[in-house]
Structures are given as C-alpha cells and as structure tokens.
Amino acid sequence: WYAAGFSDDLILLLIRHIHATIPG
C-alpha cells in the first residue's frame, strides 16, 4: 500500500525497517 502511494525510496525503506522490527 505504501509503495503504491510513495516513490521516495528512503521513505519506503524507513517504513519497512520499522515493520521489520516485528519478526514473522
């Protein structure tokens, strides 16, 4: 969903980094 709305890779990288703190 975020990738469909944002194209800035640094924003997407930060969001994915925060999500990845929860494994699984």
PDBML (XML) file of the C-alpha atoms, coordinates in Angstrom:
<?xml version="1.0" encoding="UTF-8" ?>
<PDBx:datablock datablockName="MODEL"
   xmlns:PDBx="http://pdbml.pdb.org/schema/pdbx-v50.xsd"
   xmlns:xsi="http://www.w3.org/2001/XMLSchema-instance"
   xsi:schemaLocation="http://pdbml.pdb.org/schema/pdbx-v50.xsd pdbx-v50.xsd">
   <PDBx:atom_siteCategory>
      <PDBx:atom_site id="1">
         <PDBx:B_iso_or_equiv>0.00</PDBx:B_iso_or_equiv>
         <PDBx:Cartn_x>0.000</PDBx:Cartn_x>
         <PDBx:Cartn_y>0.000</PDBx:Cartn_y>
         <PDBx:Cartn_z>0.000</PDBx:Cartn_z>
         <PDBx:auth_asym_id>A</PDBx:auth_asym_id>
         <PDBx:auth_atom_id>CA</PDBx:auth_atom_id>
         <PDBx:auth_comp_id>TRP</PDBx:auth_comp_id>
         <PDBx:auth_seq_id>1</PDBx:auth_seq_id>
         <PDBx:group_PDB>ATOM</PDBx:group_PDB>
         <PDBx:label_alt_id xsi:nil="true" />
         <PDBx:label_asym_id>A</PDBx:label_asym_id>
         <PDBx:label_atom_id>CA</PDBx:label_atom_id>
         <PDBx:label_comp_id>TRP</PDBx:label_comp_id>
         <PDBx:label_entity_id>1</PDBx:label_entity_id>
         <PDBx:label_seq_id>1</PDBx:label_seq_id>
         <PDBx:occupancy>1.00</PDBx:occupancy>
         <PDBx:pdbx_PDB_model_num>1</PDBx:pdbx_PDB_model_num>
         <PDBx:type_symbol>C</PDBx:type_symbol>
      </PDBx:atom_site>
      <PDBx:atom_site id="2">
         <PDBx:B_iso_or_equiv>0.00</PDBx:B_iso_or_equiv>
         <PDBx:Cartn_x>2.768</PDBx:Cartn_x>
         <PDBx:Cartn_y>2.452</PDBx:Cartn_y>
         <PDBx:Cartn_z>0.935</PDBx:Cartn_z>
         <PDBx:auth_asym_id>A</PDBx:auth_asym_id>
         <PDBx:auth_atom_id>CA</PDBx:auth_atom_id>
         <PDBx:auth_comp_id>TYR</PDBx:auth_comp_id>
         <PDBx:auth_seq_id>2</PDBx:auth_seq_id>
         <PDBx:group_PDB>ATOM</PDBx:group_PDB>
         <PDBx:label_alt_id xsi:nil="true" />
         <PDBx:label_asym_id>A</PDBx:label_asym_id>
         <PDBx:label_atom_id>CA</PDBx:label_atom_id>
         <PDBx:label_comp_id>TYR</PDBx:label_comp_id>
         <PDBx:label_entity_id>1</PDBx:label_entity_id>
         <PDBx:label_seq_id>2</PDBx:label_seq_id>
         <PDBx:occupancy>1.00</PDBx:occupancy>
         <PDBx:pdbx_PDB_model_num>1</PDBx:pdbx_PDB_model_num>
         <PDBx:type_symbol>C</PDBx:type_symbol>
      </PDBx:atom_site>
      <PDBx:atom_site id="3">
         <PDBx:B_iso_or_equiv>0.00</PDBx:B_iso_or_equiv>
         <PDBx:Cartn_x>4.701</PDBx:Cartn_x>
         <PDBx:Cartn_y>1.572</PDBx:Cartn_y>
         <PDBx:Cartn_z>-2.239</PDBx:Cartn_z>
         <PDBx:auth_asym_id>A</PDBx:auth_asym_id>
         <PDBx:auth_atom_id>CA</PDBx:auth_atom_id>
         <PDBx:auth_comp_id>ALA</PDBx:auth_comp_id>
         <PDBx:auth_seq_id>3</PDBx:auth_seq_id>
         <PDBx:group_PDB>ATOM</PDBx:group_PDB>
         <PDBx:label_alt_id xsi:nil="true" />
         <PDBx:label_asym_id>A</PDBx:label_asym_id>
         <PDBx:label_atom_id>CA</PDBx:label_atom_id>
         <PDBx:label_comp_id>ALA</PDBx:label_comp_id>
         <PDBx:label_entity_id>1</PDBx:label_entity_id>
         <PDBx:label_seq_id>3</PDBx:label_seq_id>
         <PDBx:occupancy>1.00</PDBx:occupancy>
         <PDBx:pdbx_PDB_model_num>1</PDBx:pdbx_PDB_model_num>
         <PDBx:type_symbol>C</PDBx:type_symbol>
      </PDBx:atom_site>
      <PDBx:atom_site id="4">
         <PDBx:B_iso_or_equiv>0.00</PDBx:B_iso_or_equiv>
         <PDBx:Cartn_x>1.629</PDBx:Cartn_x>
         <PDBx:Cartn_y>2.435</PDBx:Cartn_y>
         <PDBx:Cartn_z>-4.318</PDBx:Cartn_z>
         <PDBx:auth_asym_id>A</PDBx:auth_asym_id>
         <PDBx:auth_atom_id>CA</PDBx:auth_atom_id>
         <PDBx:auth_comp_id>ALA</PDBx:auth_comp_id>
         <PDBx:auth_seq_id>4</PDBx:auth_seq_id>
         <PDBx:group_PDB>ATOM</PDBx:group_PDB>
         <PDBx:label_alt_id xsi:nil="true" />
         <PDBx:label_asym_id>A</PDBx:label_asym_id>
         <PDBx:label_atom_id>CA</PDBx:label_atom_id>
         <PDBx:label_comp_id>ALA</PDBx:label_comp_id>
         <PDBx:label_entity_id>1</PDBx:label_entity_id>
         <PDBx:label_seq_id>4</PDBx:label_seq_id>
         <PDBx:occupancy>1.00</PDBx:occupancy>
         <PDBx:pdbx_PDB_model_num>1</PDBx:pdbx_PDB_model_num>
         <PDBx:type_symbol>C</PDBx:type_symbol>
      </PDBx:atom_site>
      <PDBx:atom_site id="5">
         <PDBx:B_iso_or_equiv>0.00</PDBx:B_iso_or_equiv>
         <PDBx:Cartn_x>1.441</PDBx:Cartn_x>
         <PDBx:Cartn_y>5.910</PDBx:Cartn_y>
         <PDBx:Cartn_z>-2.801</PDBx:Cartn_z>
         <PDBx:auth_asym_id>A</PDBx:auth_asym_id>
         <PDBx:auth_atom_id>CA</PDBx:auth_atom_id>
         <PDBx:auth_comp_id>GLY</PDBx:auth_comp_id>
         <PDBx:auth_seq_id>5</PDBx:auth_seq_id>
         <PDBx:group_PDB>ATOM</PDBx:group_PDB>
         <PDBx:label_alt_id xsi:nil="true" />
         <PDBx:label_asym_id>A</PDBx:label_asym_id>
         <PDBx:label_atom_id>CA</PDBx:label_atom_id>
         <PDBx:label_comp_id>GLY</PDBx:label_comp_id>
         <PDBx:label_entity_id>1</PDBx:label_entity_id>
         <PDBx:label_seq_id>5</PDBx:label_seq_id>
         <PDBx:occupancy>1.00</PDBx:occupancy>
         <PDBx:pdbx_PDB_model_num>1</PDBx:pdbx_PDB_model_num>
         <PDBx:type_symbol>C</PDBx:type_symbol>
      </PDBx:atom_site>
      <PDBx:atom_site id="6">
         <PDBx:B_iso_or_equiv>0.00</PDBx:B_iso_or_equiv>
         <PDBx:Cartn_x>5.093</PDBx:Cartn_x>
         <PDBx:Cartn_y>6.842</PDBx:Cartn_y>
         <PDBx:Cartn_z>-2.280</PDBx:Cartn_z>
         <PDBx:auth_asym_id>A</PDBx:auth_asym_id>
         <PDBx:auth_atom_id>CA</PDBx:auth_atom_id>
         <PDBx:auth_comp_id>PHE</PDBx:auth_comp_id>
         <PDBx:auth_seq_id>6</PDBx:auth_seq_id>
         <PDBx:group_PDB>ATOM</PDBx:group_PDB>
         <PDBx:label_alt_id xsi:nil="true" />
         <PDBx:label_asym_id>A</PDBx:label_asym_id>
         <PDBx:label_atom_id>CA</PDBx:label_atom_id>
         <PDBx:label_comp_id>PHE</PDBx:label_comp_id>
         <PDBx:label_entity_id>1</PDBx:label_entity_id>
         <PDBx:label_seq_id>6</PDBx:label_seq_id>
         <PDBx:occupancy>1.00</PDBx:occupancy>
         <PDBx:pdbx_PDB_model_num>1</PDBx:pdbx_PDB_model_num>
         <PDBx:type_symbol>C</PDBx:type_symbol>
      </PDBx:atom_site>
      <PDBx:atom_site id="7">
         <PDBx:B_iso_or_equiv>0.00</PDBx:B_iso_or_equiv>
         <PDBx:Cartn_x>8.007</PDBx:Cartn_x>
         <PDBx:Cartn_y>6.709</PDBx:Cartn_y>
         <PDBx:Cartn_z>-4.706</PDBx:Cartn_z>
         <PDBx:auth_asym_id>A</PDBx:auth_asym_id>
         <PDBx:auth_atom_id>CA</PDBx:auth_atom_id>
         <PDBx:auth_comp_id>SER</PDBx:auth_comp_id>
         <PDBx:auth_seq_id>7</PDBx:auth_seq_id>
         <PDBx:group_PDB>ATOM</PDBx:group_PDB>
         <PDBx:label_alt_id xsi:nil="true" />
         <PDBx:label_asym_id>A</PDBx:label_asym_id>
         <PDBx:label_atom_id>CA</PDBx:label_atom_id>
         <PDBx:label_comp_id>SER</PDBx:label_comp_id>
         <PDBx:label_entity_id>1</PDBx:label_entity_id>
         <PDBx:label_seq_id>7</PDBx:label_seq_id>
         <PDBx:occupancy>1.00</PDBx:occupancy>
         <PDBx:pdbx_PDB_model_num>1</PDBx:pdbx_PDB_model_num>
         <PDBx:type_symbol>C</PDBx:type_symbol>
      </PDBx:atom_site>
      <PDBx:atom_site id="8">
         <PDBx:B_iso_or_equiv>0.00</PDBx:B_iso_or_equiv>
         <PDBx:Cartn_x>10.760</PDBx:Cartn_x>
         <PDBx:Cartn_y>8.033</PDBx:Cartn_y>
         <PDBx:Cartn_z>-2.405</PDBx:Cartn_z>
         <PDBx:auth_asym_id>A</PDBx:auth_asym_id>
         <PDBx:auth_atom_id>CA</PDBx:auth_atom_id>
         <PDBx:auth_comp_id>ASP</PDBx:auth_comp_id>
         <PDBx:auth_seq_id>8</PDBx:auth_seq_id>
         <PDBx:group_PDB>ATOM</PDBx:group_PDB>
         <PDBx:label_alt_id xsi:nil="true" />
         <PDBx:label_asym_id>A</PDBx:label_asym_id>
         <PDBx:label_atom_id>CA</PDBx:label_atom_id>
         <PDBx:label_comp_id>ASP</PDBx:label_comp_id>
         <PDBx:label_entity_id>1</PDBx:label_entity_id>
         <PDBx:label_seq_id>8</PDBx:label_seq_id>
         <PDBx:occupancy>1.00</PDBx:occupancy>
         <PDBx:pdbx_PDB_model_num>1</PDBx:pdbx_PDB_model_num>
         <PDBx:type_symbol>C</PDBx:type_symbol>
      </PDBx:atom_site>
      <PDBx:atom_site id="9">
         <PDBx:B_iso_or_equiv>0.00</PDBx:B_iso_or_equiv>
         <PDBx:Cartn_x>12.897</PDBx:Cartn_x>
         <PDBx:Cartn_y>5.001</PDBx:Cartn_y>
         <PDBx:Cartn_z>-1.610</PDBx:Cartn_z>
         <PDBx:auth_asym_id>A</PDBx:auth_asym_id>
         <PDBx:auth_atom_id>CA</PDBx:auth_atom_id>
         <PDBx:auth_comp_id>ASP</PDBx:auth_comp_id>
         <PDBx:auth_seq_id>9</PDBx:auth_seq_id>
         <PDBx:group_PDB>ATOM</PDBx:group_PDB>
         <PDBx:label_alt_id xsi:nil="true" />
         <PDBx:label_asym_id>A</PDBx:label_asym_id>
         <PDBx:label_atom_id>CA</PDBx:label_atom_id>
         <PDBx:label_comp_id>ASP</PDBx:label_comp_id>
         <PDBx:label_entity_id>1</PDBx:label_entity_id>
         <PDBx:label_seq_id>9</PDBx:label_seq_id>
         <PDBx:occupancy>1.00</PDBx:occupancy>
         <PDBx:pdbx_PDB_model_num>1</PDBx:pdbx_PDB_model_num>
         <PDBx:type_symbol>C</PDBx:type_symbol>
      </PDBx:atom_site>
      <PDBx:atom_site id="10">
         <PDBx:B_iso_or_equiv>0.00</PDBx:B_iso_or_equiv>
         <PDBx:Cartn_x>14.144</PDBx:Cartn_x>
         <PDBx:Cartn_y>6.463</PDBx:Cartn_y>
         <PDBx:Cartn_z>1.674</PDBx:Cartn_z>
         <PDBx:auth_asym_id>A</PDBx:auth_asym_id>
         <PDBx:auth_atom_id>CA</PDBx:auth_atom_id>
         <PDBx:auth_comp_id>LEU</PDBx:auth_comp_id>
         <PDBx:auth_seq_id>10</PDBx:auth_seq_id>
         <PDBx:group_PDB>ATOM</PDBx:group_PDB>
         <PDBx:label_alt_id xsi:nil="true" />
         <PDBx:label_asym_id>A</PDBx:label_asym_id>
         <PDBx:label_atom_id>CA</PDBx:label_atom_id>
         <PDBx:label_comp_id>LEU</PDBx:label_comp_id>
         <PDBx:label_entity_id>1</PDBx:label_entity_id>
         <PDBx:label_seq_id>10</PDBx:label_seq_id>
         <PDBx:occupancy>1.00</PDBx:occupancy>
         <PDBx:pdbx_PDB_model_num>1</PDBx:pdbx_PDB_model_num>
         <PDBx:type_symbol>C</PDBx:type_symbol>
      </PDBx:atom_site>
      <PDBx:atom_site id="11">
         <PDBx:B_iso_or_equiv>0.00</PDBx:B_iso_or_equiv>
         <PDBx:Cartn_x>10.585</PDBx:Cartn_x>
         <PDBx:Cartn_y>6.833</PDBx:Cartn_y>
         <PDBx:Cartn_z>2.997</PDBx:Cartn_z>
         <PDBx:auth_asym_id>A</PDBx:auth_asym_id>
         <PDBx:auth_atom_id>CA</PDBx:auth_atom_id>
         <PDBx:auth_comp_id>ILE</PDBx:auth_comp_id>
         <PDBx:auth_seq_id>11</PDBx:auth_seq_id>
         <PDBx:group_PDB>ATOM</PDBx:group_PDB>
         <PDBx:label_alt_id xsi:nil="true" />
         <PDBx:label_asym_id>A</PDBx:label_asym_id>
         <PDBx:label_atom_id>CA</PDBx:label_atom_id>
         <PDBx:label_comp_id>ILE</PDBx:label_comp_id>
         <PDBx:label_entity_id>1</PDBx:label_entity_id>
         <PDBx:label_seq_id>11</PDBx:label_seq_id>
         <PDBx:occupancy>1.00</PDBx:occupancy>
         <PDBx:pdbx_PDB_model_num>1</PDBx:pdbx_PDB_model_num>
         <PDBx:type_symbol>C</PDBx:type_symbol>
      </PDBx:atom_site>
      <PDBx:atom_site id="12">
         <PDBx:B_iso_or_equiv>0.00</PDBx:B_iso_or_equiv>
         <PDBx:Cartn_x>9.718</PDBx:Cartn_x>
         <PDBx:Cartn_y>3.278</PDBx:Cartn_y>
         <PDBx:Cartn_z>1.951</PDBx:Cartn_z>
         <PDBx:auth_asym_id>A</PDBx:auth_asym_id>
         <PDBx:auth_atom_id>CA</PDBx:auth_atom_id>
         <PDBx:auth_comp_id>LEU</PDBx:auth_comp_id>
         <PDBx:auth_seq_id>12</PDBx:auth_seq_id>
         <PDBx:group_PDB>ATOM</PDBx:group_PDB>
         <PDBx:label_alt_id xsi:nil="true" />
         <PDBx:label_asym_id>A</PDBx:label_asym_id>
         <PDBx:label_atom_id>CA</PDBx:label_atom_id>
         <PDBx:label_comp_id>LEU</PDBx:label_comp_id>
         <PDBx:label_entity_id>1</PDBx:label_entity_id>
         <PDBx:label_seq_id>12</PDBx:label_seq_id>
         <PDBx:occupancy>1.00</PDBx:occupancy>
         <PDBx:pdbx_PDB_model_num>1</PDBx:pdbx_PDB_model_num>
         <PDBx:type_symbol>C</PDBx:type_symbol>
      </PDBx:atom_site>
      <PDBx:atom_site id="13">
         <PDBx:B_iso_or_equiv>0.00</PDBx:B_iso_or_equiv>
         <PDBx:Cartn_x>12.970</PDBx:Cartn_x>
         <PDBx:Cartn_y>1.946</PDBx:Cartn_y>
         <PDBx:Cartn_z>3.416</PDBx:Cartn_z>
         <PDBx:auth_asym_id>A</PDBx:auth_asym_id>
         <PDBx:auth_atom_id>CA</PDBx:auth_atom_id>
         <PDBx:auth_comp_id>LEU</PDBx:auth_comp_id>
         <PDBx:auth_seq_id>13</PDBx:auth_seq_id>
         <PDBx:group_PDB>ATOM</PDBx:group_PDB>
         <PDBx:label_alt_id xsi:nil="true" />
         <PDBx:label_asym_id>A</PDBx:label_asym_id>
         <PDBx:label_atom_id>CA</PDBx:label_atom_id>
         <PDBx:label_comp_id>LEU</PDBx:label_comp_id>
         <PDBx:label_entity_id>1</PDBx:label_entity_id>
         <PDBx:label_seq_id>13</PDBx:label_seq_id>
         <PDBx:occupancy>1.00</PDBx:occupancy>
         <PDBx:pdbx_PDB_model_num>1</PDBx:pdbx_PDB_model_num>
         <PDBx:type_symbol>C</PDBx:type_symbol>
      </PDBx:atom_site>
      <PDBx:atom_site id="14">
         <PDBx:B_iso_or_equiv>0.00</PDBx:B_iso_or_equiv>
         <PDBx:Cartn_x>12.256</PDBx:Cartn_x>
         <PDBx:Cartn_y>3.594</PDBx:Cartn_y>
         <PDBx:Cartn_z>6.786</PDBx:Cartn_z>
         <PDBx:auth_asym_id>A</PDBx:auth_asym_id>
         <PDBx:auth_atom_id>CA</PDBx:auth_atom_id>
         <PDBx:auth_comp_id>LEU</PDBx:auth_comp_id>
         <PDBx:auth_seq_id>14</PDBx:auth_seq_id>
         <PDBx:group_PDB>ATOM</PDBx:group_PDB>
         <PDBx:label_alt_id xsi:nil="true" />
         <PDBx:label_asym_id>A</PDBx:label_asym_id>
         <PDBx:label_atom_id>CA</PDBx:label_atom_id>
         <PDBx:label_comp_id>LEU</PDBx:label_comp_id>
         <PDBx:label_entity_id>1</PDBx:label_entity_id>
         <PDBx:label_seq_id>14</PDBx:label_seq_id>
         <PDBx:occupancy>1.00</PDBx:occupancy>
         <PDBx:pdbx_PDB_model_num>1</PDBx:pdbx_PDB_model_num>
         <PDBx:type_symbol>C</PDBx:type_symbol>
      </PDBx:atom_site>
      <PDBx:atom_site id="15">
         <PDBx:B_iso_or_equiv>0.00</PDBx:B_iso_or_equiv>
         <PDBx:Cartn_x>8.691</PDBx:Cartn_x>
         <PDBx:Cartn_y>2.216</PDBx:Cartn_y>
         <PDBx:Cartn_z>6.906</PDBx:Cartn_z>
         <PDBx:auth_asym_id>A</PDBx:auth_asym_id>
         <PDBx:auth_atom_id>CA</PDBx:auth_atom_id>
         <PDBx:auth_comp_id>ILE</PDBx:auth_comp_id>
         <PDBx:auth_seq_id>15</PDBx:auth_seq_id>
         <PDBx:group_PDB>ATOM</PDBx:group_PDB>
         <PDBx:label_alt_id xsi:nil="true" />
         <PDBx:label_asym_id>A</PDBx:label_asym_id>
         <PDBx:label_atom_id>CA</PDBx:label_atom_id>
         <PDBx:label_comp_id>ILE</PDBx:label_comp_id>
         <PDBx:label_entity_id>1</PDBx:label_entity_id>
         <PDBx:label_seq_id>15</PDBx:label_seq_id>
         <PDBx:occupancy>1.00</PDBx:occupancy>
         <PDBx:pdbx_PDB_model_num>1</PDBx:pdbx_PDB_model_num>
         <PDBx:type_symbol>C</PDBx:type_symbol>
      </PDBx:atom_site>
      <PDBx:atom_site id="16">
         <PDBx:B_iso_or_equiv>0.00</PDBx:B_iso_or_equiv>
         <PDBx:Cartn_x>9.876</PDBx:Cartn_x>
         <PDBx:Cartn_y>-1.290</PDBx:Cartn_y>
         <PDBx:Cartn_z>6.046</PDBx:Cartn_z>
         <PDBx:auth_asym_id>A</PDBx:auth_asym_id>
         <PDBx:auth_atom_id>CA</PDBx:auth_atom_id>
         <PDBx:auth_comp_id>ARG</PDBx:auth_comp_id>
         <PDBx:auth_seq_id>16</PDBx:auth_seq_id>
         <PDBx:group_PDB>ATOM</PDBx:group_PDB>
         <PDBx:label_alt_id xsi:nil="true" />
         <PDBx:label_asym_id>A</PDBx:label_asym_id>
         <PDBx:label_atom_id>CA</PDBx:label_atom_id>
         <PDBx:label_comp_id>ARG</PDBx:label_comp_id>
         <PDBx:label_entity_id>1</PDBx:label_entity_id>
         <PDBx:label_seq_id>16</PDBx:label_seq_id>
         <PDBx:occupancy>1.00</PDBx:occupancy>
         <PDBx:pdbx_PDB_model_num>1</PDBx:pdbx_PDB_model_num>
         <PDBx:type_symbol>C</PDBx:type_symbol>
      </PDBx:atom_site>
      <PDBx:atom_site id="17">
         <PDBx:B_iso_or_equiv>0.00</PDBx:B_iso_or_equiv>
         <PDBx:Cartn_x>12.650</PDBx:Cartn_x>
         <PDBx:Cartn_y>-1.045</PDBx:Cartn_y>
         <PDBx:Cartn_z>8.636</PDBx:Cartn_z>
         <PDBx:auth_asym_id>A</PDBx:auth_asym_id>
         <PDBx:auth_atom_id>CA</PDBx:auth_atom_id>
         <PDBx:auth_comp_id>HIS</PDBx:auth_comp_id>
         <PDBx:auth_seq_id>17</PDBx:auth_seq_id>
         <PDBx:group_PDB>ATOM</PDBx:group_PDB>
         <PDBx:label_alt_id xsi:nil="true" />
         <PDBx:label_asym_id>A</PDBx:label_asym_id>
         <PDBx:label_atom_id>CA</PDBx:label_atom_id>
         <PDBx:label_comp_id>HIS</PDBx:label_comp_id>
         <PDBx:label_entity_id>1</PDBx:label_entity_id>
         <PDBx:label_seq_id>17</PDBx:label_seq_id>
         <PDBx:occupancy>1.00</PDBx:occupancy>
         <PDBx:pdbx_PDB_model_num>1</PDBx:pdbx_PDB_model_num>
         <PDBx:type_symbol>C</PDBx:type_symbol>
      </PDBx:atom_site>
      <PDBx:atom_site id="18">
         <PDBx:B_iso_or_equiv>0.00</PDBx:B_iso_or_equiv>
         <PDBx:Cartn_x>10.106</PDBx:Cartn_x>
         <PDBx:Cartn_y>-0.204</PDBx:Cartn_y>
         <PDBx:Cartn_z>11.354</PDBx:Cartn_z>
         <PDBx:auth_asym_id>A</PDBx:auth_asym_id>
         <PDBx:auth_atom_id>CA</PDBx:auth_atom_id>
         <PDBx:auth_comp_id>ILE</PDBx:auth_comp_id>
         <PDBx:auth_seq_id>18</PDBx:auth_seq_id>
         <PDBx:group_PDB>ATOM</PDBx:group_PDB>
         <PDBx:label_alt_id xsi:nil="true" />
         <PDBx:label_asym_id>A</PDBx:label_asym_id>
         <PDBx:label_atom_id>CA</PDBx:label_atom_id>
         <PDBx:label_comp_id>ILE</PDBx:label_comp_id>
         <PDBx:label_entity_id>1</PDBx:label_entity_id>
         <PDBx:label_seq_id>18</PDBx:label_seq_id>
         <PDBx:occupancy>1.00</PDBx:occupancy>
         <PDBx:pdbx_PDB_model_num>1</PDBx:pdbx_PDB_model_num>
         <PDBx:type_symbol>C</PDBx:type_symbol>
      </PDBx:atom_site>
      <PDBx:atom_site id="19">
         <PDBx:B_iso_or_equiv>0.00</PDBx:B_iso_or_equiv>
         <PDBx:Cartn_x>7.817</PDBx:Cartn_x>
         <PDBx:Cartn_y>-3.048</PDBx:Cartn_y>
         <PDBx:Cartn_z>10.248</PDBx:Cartn_z>
         <PDBx:auth_asym_id>A</PDBx:auth_asym_id>
         <PDBx:auth_atom_id>CA</PDBx:auth_atom_id>
         <PDBx:auth_comp_id>HIS</PDBx:auth_comp_id>
         <PDBx:auth_seq_id>19</PDBx:auth_seq_id>
         <PDBx:group_PDB>ATOM</PDBx:group_PDB>
         <PDBx:label_alt_id xsi:nil="true" />
         <PDBx:label_asym_id>A</PDBx:label_asym_id>
         <PDBx:label_atom_id>CA</PDBx:label_atom_id>
         <PDBx:label_comp_id>HIS</PDBx:label_comp_id>
         <PDBx:label_entity_id>1</PDBx:label_entity_id>
         <PDBx:label_seq_id>19</PDBx:label_seq_id>
         <PDBx:occupancy>1.00</PDBx:occupancy>
         <PDBx:pdbx_PDB_model_num>1</PDBx:pdbx_PDB_model_num>
         <PDBx:type_symbol>C</PDBx:type_symbol>
      </PDBx:atom_site>
      <PDBx:atom_site id="20">
         <PDBx:B_iso_or_equiv>0.00</PDBx:B_iso_or_equiv>
         <PDBx:Cartn_x>10.741</PDBx:Cartn_x>
         <PDBx:Cartn_y>-5.494</PDBx:Cartn_y>
         <PDBx:Cartn_z>10.224</PDBx:Cartn_z>
         <PDBx:auth_asym_id>A</PDBx:auth_asym_id>
         <PDBx:auth_atom_id>CA</PDBx:auth_atom_id>
         <PDBx:auth_comp_id>ALA</PDBx:auth_comp_id>
         <PDBx:auth_seq_id>20</PDBx:auth_seq_id>
         <PDBx:group_PDB>ATOM</PDBx:group_PDB>
         <PDBx:label_alt_id xsi:nil="true" />
         <PDBx:label_asym_id>A</PDBx:label_asym_id>
         <PDBx:label_atom_id>CA</PDBx:label_atom_id>
         <PDBx:label_comp_id>ALA</PDBx:label_comp_id>
         <PDBx:label_entity_id>1</PDBx:label_entity_id>
         <PDBx:label_seq_id>20</PDBx:label_seq_id>
         <PDBx:occupancy>1.00</PDBx:occupancy>
         <PDBx:pdbx_PDB_model_num>1</PDBx:pdbx_PDB_model_num>
         <PDBx:type_symbol>C</PDBx:type_symbol>
      </PDBx:atom_site>
      <PDBx:atom_site id="21">
         <PDBx:B_iso_or_equiv>0.00</PDBx:B_iso_or_equiv>
         <PDBx:Cartn_x>11.348</PDBx:Cartn_x>
         <PDBx:Cartn_y>-4.960</PDBx:Cartn_y>
         <PDBx:Cartn_z>13.956</PDBx:Cartn_z>
         <PDBx:auth_asym_id>A</PDBx:auth_asym_id>
         <PDBx:auth_atom_id>CA</PDBx:auth_atom_id>
         <PDBx:auth_comp_id>THR</PDBx:auth_comp_id>
         <PDBx:auth_seq_id>21</PDBx:auth_seq_id>
         <PDBx:group_PDB>ATOM</PDBx:group_PDB>
         <PDBx:label_alt_id xsi:nil="true" />
         <PDBx:label_asym_id>A</PDBx:label_asym_id>
         <PDBx:label_atom_id>CA</PDBx:label_atom_id>
         <PDBx:label_comp_id>THR</PDBx:label_comp_id>
         <PDBx:label_entity_id>1</PDBx:label_entity_id>
         <PDBx:label_seq_id>21</PDBx:label_seq_id>
         <PDBx:occupancy>1.00</PDBx:occupancy>
         <PDBx:pdbx_PDB_model_num>1</PDBx:pdbx_PDB_model_num>
         <PDBx:type_symbol>C</PDBx:type_symbol>
      </PDBx:atom_site>
      <PDBx:atom_site id="22">
         <PDBx:B_iso_or_equiv>0.00</PDBx:B_iso_or_equiv>
         <PDBx:Cartn_x>8.460</PDBx:Cartn_x>
         <PDBx:Cartn_y>-7.417</PDBx:Cartn_y>
         <PDBx:Cartn_z>14.450</PDBx:Cartn_z>
         <PDBx:auth_asym_id>A</PDBx:auth_asym_id>
         <PDBx:auth_atom_id>CA</PDBx:auth_atom_id>
         <PDBx:auth_comp_id>ILE</PDBx:auth_comp_id>
         <PDBx:auth_seq_id>22</PDBx:auth_seq_id>
         <PDBx:group_PDB>ATOM</PDBx:group_PDB>
         <PDBx:label_alt_id xsi:nil="true" />
         <PDBx:label_asym_id>A</PDBx:label_asym_id>
         <PDBx:label_atom_id>CA</PDBx:label_atom_id>
         <PDBx:label_comp_id>ILE</PDBx:label_comp_id>
         <PDBx:label_entity_id>1</PDBx:label_entity_id>
         <PDBx:label_seq_id>22</PDBx:label_seq_id>
         <PDBx:occupancy>1.00</PDBx:occupancy>
         <PDBx:pdbx_PDB_model_num>1</PDBx:pdbx_PDB_model_num>
         <PDBx:type_symbol>C</PDBx:type_symbol>
      </PDBx:atom_site>
      <PDBx:atom_site id="23">
         <PDBx:B_iso_or_equiv>0.00</PDBx:B_iso_or_equiv>
         <PDBx:Cartn_x>9.542</PDBx:Cartn_x>
         <PDBx:Cartn_y>-10.796</PDBx:Cartn_y>
         <PDBx:Cartn_z>13.014</PDBx:Cartn_z>
         <PDBx:auth_asym_id>A</PDBx:auth_asym_id>
         <PDBx:auth_atom_id>CA</PDBx:auth_atom_id>
         <PDBx:auth_comp_id>PRO</PDBx:auth_comp_id>
         <PDBx:auth_seq_id>23</PDBx:auth_seq_id>
         <PDBx:group_PDB>ATOM</PDBx:group_PDB>
         <PDBx:label_alt_id xsi:nil="true" />
         <PDBx:label_asym_id>A</PDBx:label_asym_id>
         <PDBx:label_atom_id>CA</PDBx:label_atom_id>
         <PDBx:label_comp_id>PRO</PDBx:label_comp_id>
         <PDBx:label_entity_id>1</PDBx:label_entity_id>
         <PDBx:label_seq_id>23</PDBx:label_seq_id>
         <PDBx:occupancy>1.00</PDBx:occupancy>
         <PDBx:pdbx_PDB_model_num>1</PDBx:pdbx_PDB_model_num>
         <PDBx:type_symbol>C</PDBx:type_symbol>
      </PDBx:atom_site>
      <PDBx:atom_site id="24">
         <PDBx:B_iso_or_equiv>0.00</PDBx:B_iso_or_equiv>
         <PDBx:Cartn_x>7.249</PDBx:Cartn_x>
         <PDBx:Cartn_y>-13.099</PDBx:Cartn_y>
         <PDBx:Cartn_z>11.061</PDBx:Cartn_z>
         <PDBx:auth_asym_id>A</PDBx:auth_asym_id>
         <PDBx:auth_atom_id>CA</PDBx:auth_atom_id>
         <PDBx:auth_comp_id>GLY</PDBx:auth_comp_id>
         <PDBx:auth_seq_id>24</PDBx:auth_seq_id>
         <PDBx:group_PDB>ATOM</PDBx:group_PDB>
         <PDBx:label_alt_id xsi:nil="true" />
         <PDBx:label_asym_id>A</PDBx:label_asym_id>
         <PDBx:label_atom_id>CA</PDBx:label_atom_id>
         <PDBx:label_comp_id>GLY</PDBx:label_comp_id>
         <PDBx:label_entity_id>1</PDBx:label_entity_id>
         <PDBx:label_seq_id>24</PDBx:label_seq_id>
         <PDBx:occupancy>1.00</PDBx:occupancy>
         <PDBx:pdbx_PDB_model_num>1</PDBx:pdbx_PDB_model_num>
         <PDBx:type_symbol>C</PDBx:type_symbol>
      </PDBx:atom_site>
   </PDBx:atom_siteCategory>
</PDBx:datablock>
